[in-house]
Amino acid sequence: MFFPYIRNPRLSQQLDNLAKEHSVTVLATGVNPGFAMDTLPLFLTGVCQKVKSIH
């Protein structure tokens, strides 16, 4: 997801060539569910002494 040129270099090169050929930029954005739903709440509650629930 984060490094398409590492995971799929051929497809990444094709997209890069097409974008350059047409003078456009390709930008992909989004939220990584594993980070937003798992890691981030743990990080944010790290300074708390007691957490009853997270909504």
N, C-alpha and C. Protein backbone atom coordinates (compact mmCIF):
# COMPACT_ATOMS: atom_id res chain seq x y z
N MET A 1 0.81 -1.20 0.00
CA MET A 1 0.00 0.00 0.00
C MET A 1 0.85 1.26 0.00
N PHE A 2 1.83 1.28 0.88
CA PHE A 2 2.61 2.50 1.04
C PHE A 2 3.68 2.66 -0.03
N PHE A 3 4.23 1.55 -0.47
CA PHE A 3 5.33 1.60 -1.42
C PHE A 3 5.02 0.71 -2.63
N PRO A 4 4.15 1.18 -3.53
CA PRO A 4 3.75 0.34 -4.66
C PRO A 4 4.92 -0.04 -5.57
N TYR A 5 5.93 0.83 -5.65
CA TYR A 5 7.07 0.53 -6.51
C TYR A 5 7.91 -0.62 -5.96
N ILE A 6 7.74 -0.94 -4.69
CA ILE A 6 8.43 -2.10 -4.11
C ILE A 6 7.57 -3.35 -4.27
N ARG A 7 6.27 -3.22 -3.99
CA ARG A 7 5.36 -4.38 -4.05
C ARG A 7 5.06 -4.81 -5.48
N ASN A 8 4.93 -3.84 -6.39
CA ASN A 8 4.60 -4.16 -7.78
C ASN A 8 5.32 -3.18 -8.70
N PRO A 9 6.62 -3.36 -8.90
CA PRO A 9 7.40 -2.40 -9.67
C PRO A 9 6.94 -2.24 -11.12
N ARG A 10 6.50 -3.33 -11.73
CA ARG A 10 6.08 -3.25 -13.14
C ARG A 10 4.85 -2.37 -13.30
N LEU A 11 3.83 -2.61 -12.50
CA LEU A 11 2.61 -1.81 -12.57
C LEU A 11 2.90 -0.36 -12.19
N SER A 12 3.72 -0.17 -11.18
CA SER A 12 4.07 1.19 -10.77
C SER A 12 4.76 1.95 -11.89
N GLN A 13 5.65 1.27 -12.61
CA GLN A 13 6.35 1.91 -13.72
C GLN A 13 5.37 2.26 -14.85
N GLN A 14 4.43 1.37 -15.12
CA GLN A 14 3.42 1.63 -16.15
C GLN A 14 2.59 2.87 -15.79
N LEU A 15 2.14 2.94 -14.54
CA LEU A 15 1.37 4.11 -14.10
C LEU A 15 2.20 5.38 -14.17
N ASP A 16 3.46 5.29 -13.77
CA ASP A 16 4.34 6.45 -13.82
C ASP A 16 4.54 6.93 -15.25
N ASN A 17 4.76 6.00 -16.16
CA ASN A 17 4.94 6.36 -17.57
C ASN A 17 3.69 7.01 -18.15
N LEU A 18 2.52 6.45 -17.85
CA LEU A 18 1.27 7.03 -18.35
C LEU A 18 1.04 8.43 -17.79
N ALA A 19 1.31 8.60 -16.52
CA ALA A 19 1.13 9.91 -15.90
C ALA A 19 2.05 10.94 -16.54
N LYS A 20 3.30 10.58 -16.75
CA LYS A 20 4.26 11.49 -17.38
C LYS A 20 3.87 11.79 -18.82
N GLU A 21 3.40 10.78 -19.52
CA GLU A 21 2.99 10.93 -20.93
C GLU A 21 1.85 11.93 -21.06
N HIS A 22 0.96 11.96 -20.08
CA HIS A 22 -0.22 12.84 -20.13
C HIS A 22 -0.07 14.07 -19.23
N SER A 23 1.12 14.27 -18.69
CA SER A 23 1.41 15.43 -17.83
C SER A 23 0.43 15.57 -16.66
N VAL A 24 0.21 14.45 -15.98
CA VAL A 24 -0.68 14.45 -14.82
C VAL A 24 0.06 13.84 -13.63
N THR A 25 -0.52 14.02 -12.46
CA THR A 25 0.02 13.45 -11.23
C THR A 25 -0.97 12.44 -10.68
N VAL A 26 -0.48 11.32 -10.22
CA VAL A 26 -1.31 10.31 -9.58
C VAL A 26 -1.04 10.40 -8.08
N LEU A 27 -2.11 10.60 -7.31
CA LEU A 27 -1.98 10.70 -5.86
C LEU A 27 -3.00 9.76 -5.22
N ALA A 28 -2.52 8.87 -4.38
CA ALA A 28 -3.40 7.95 -3.67
C ALA A 28 -3.32 8.27 -2.18
N THR A 29 -4.48 8.41 -1.55
CA THR A 29 -4.52 8.70 -0.12
C THR A 29 -5.55 7.81 0.55
N GLY A 30 -5.52 7.80 1.83
CA GLY A 30 -6.49 7.01 2.58
C GLY A 30 -6.00 6.74 3.99
N VAL A 31 -6.76 5.97 4.71
CA VAL A 31 -6.43 5.64 6.08
C VAL A 31 -6.09 4.16 6.14
N ASN A 32 -5.01 3.85 6.80
CA ASN A 32 -4.63 2.47 7.01
C ASN A 32 -5.44 1.94 8.19
N PRO A 33 -6.40 1.03 7.95
CA PRO A 33 -7.27 0.56 9.03
C PRO A 33 -6.52 -0.05 10.20
N GLY A 34 -5.45 -0.77 9.94
CA GLY A 34 -4.68 -1.37 11.03
C GLY A 34 -4.07 -0.33 11.95
N PHE A 35 -3.69 0.81 11.39
CA PHE A 35 -3.13 1.88 12.21
C PHE A 35 -4.23 2.65 12.92
N ALA A 36 -5.24 3.06 12.16
CA ALA A 36 -6.29 3.92 12.72
C ALA A 36 -7.13 3.21 13.77
N MET A 37 -7.35 1.93 13.60
CA MET A 37 -8.25 1.21 14.51
C MET A 37 -7.53 0.44 15.61
N ASP A 38 -6.24 0.14 15.41
CA ASP A 38 -5.52 -0.68 16.39
C ASP A 38 -4.41 0.10 17.09
N THR A 39 -3.45 0.55 16.34
CA THR A 39 -2.25 1.17 16.90
C THR A 39 -2.52 2.56 17.46
N LEU A 40 -3.25 3.38 16.75
CA LEU A 40 -3.50 4.75 17.19
C LEU A 40 -4.19 4.82 18.55
N PRO A 41 -5.27 4.07 18.80
CA PRO A 41 -5.88 4.12 20.14
C PRO A 41 -4.93 3.68 21.25
N LEU A 42 -4.09 2.68 20.97
CA LEU A 42 -3.11 2.26 21.98
C LEU A 42 -2.11 3.37 22.27
N PHE A 43 -1.67 4.04 21.23
CA PHE A 43 -0.72 5.14 21.39
C PHE A 43 -1.35 6.30 22.17
N LEU A 44 -2.57 6.66 21.81
CA LEU A 44 -3.23 7.80 22.44
C LEU A 44 -3.59 7.54 23.90
N THR A 45 -3.82 6.29 24.25
CA THR A 45 -4.18 5.97 25.64
C THR A 45 -2.96 5.57 26.47
N GLY A 46 -1.78 5.65 25.89
CA GLY A 46 -0.56 5.25 26.60
C GLY A 46 -0.29 6.06 27.85
N VAL A 47 -0.72 7.30 27.90
CA VAL A 47 -0.48 8.15 29.07
C VAL A 47 -1.60 8.04 30.10
N CYS A 48 -2.65 7.31 29.78
CA CYS A 48 -3.78 7.17 30.70
C CYS A 48 -3.50 6.06 31.71
N GLN A 49 -3.97 6.26 32.94
CA GLN A 49 -3.81 5.23 33.96
C GLN A 49 -4.94 4.21 33.89
N LYS A 50 -6.13 4.67 33.51
CA LYS A 50 -7.27 3.76 33.46
C LYS A 50 -8.16 4.14 32.29
N VAL A 51 -8.42 3.20 31.39
CA VAL A 51 -9.31 3.42 30.25
C VAL A 51 -10.47 2.45 30.39
N LYS A 52 -11.68 3.00 30.51
CA LYS A 52 -12.86 2.15 30.67
C LYS A 52 -13.40 1.68 29.33
N SER A 53 -13.38 2.57 28.32
CA SER A 53 -13.87 2.18 27.00
C SER A 53 -13.39 3.19 25.97
N ILE A 54 -13.45 2.75 24.72
CA ILE A 54 -13.13 3.62 23.58
C ILE A 54 -14.29 3.51 22.60
N HIS A 55 -14.85 4.63 22.23
CA HIS A 55 -16.00 4.64 21.31
C HIS A 55 -15.57 5.14 19.95
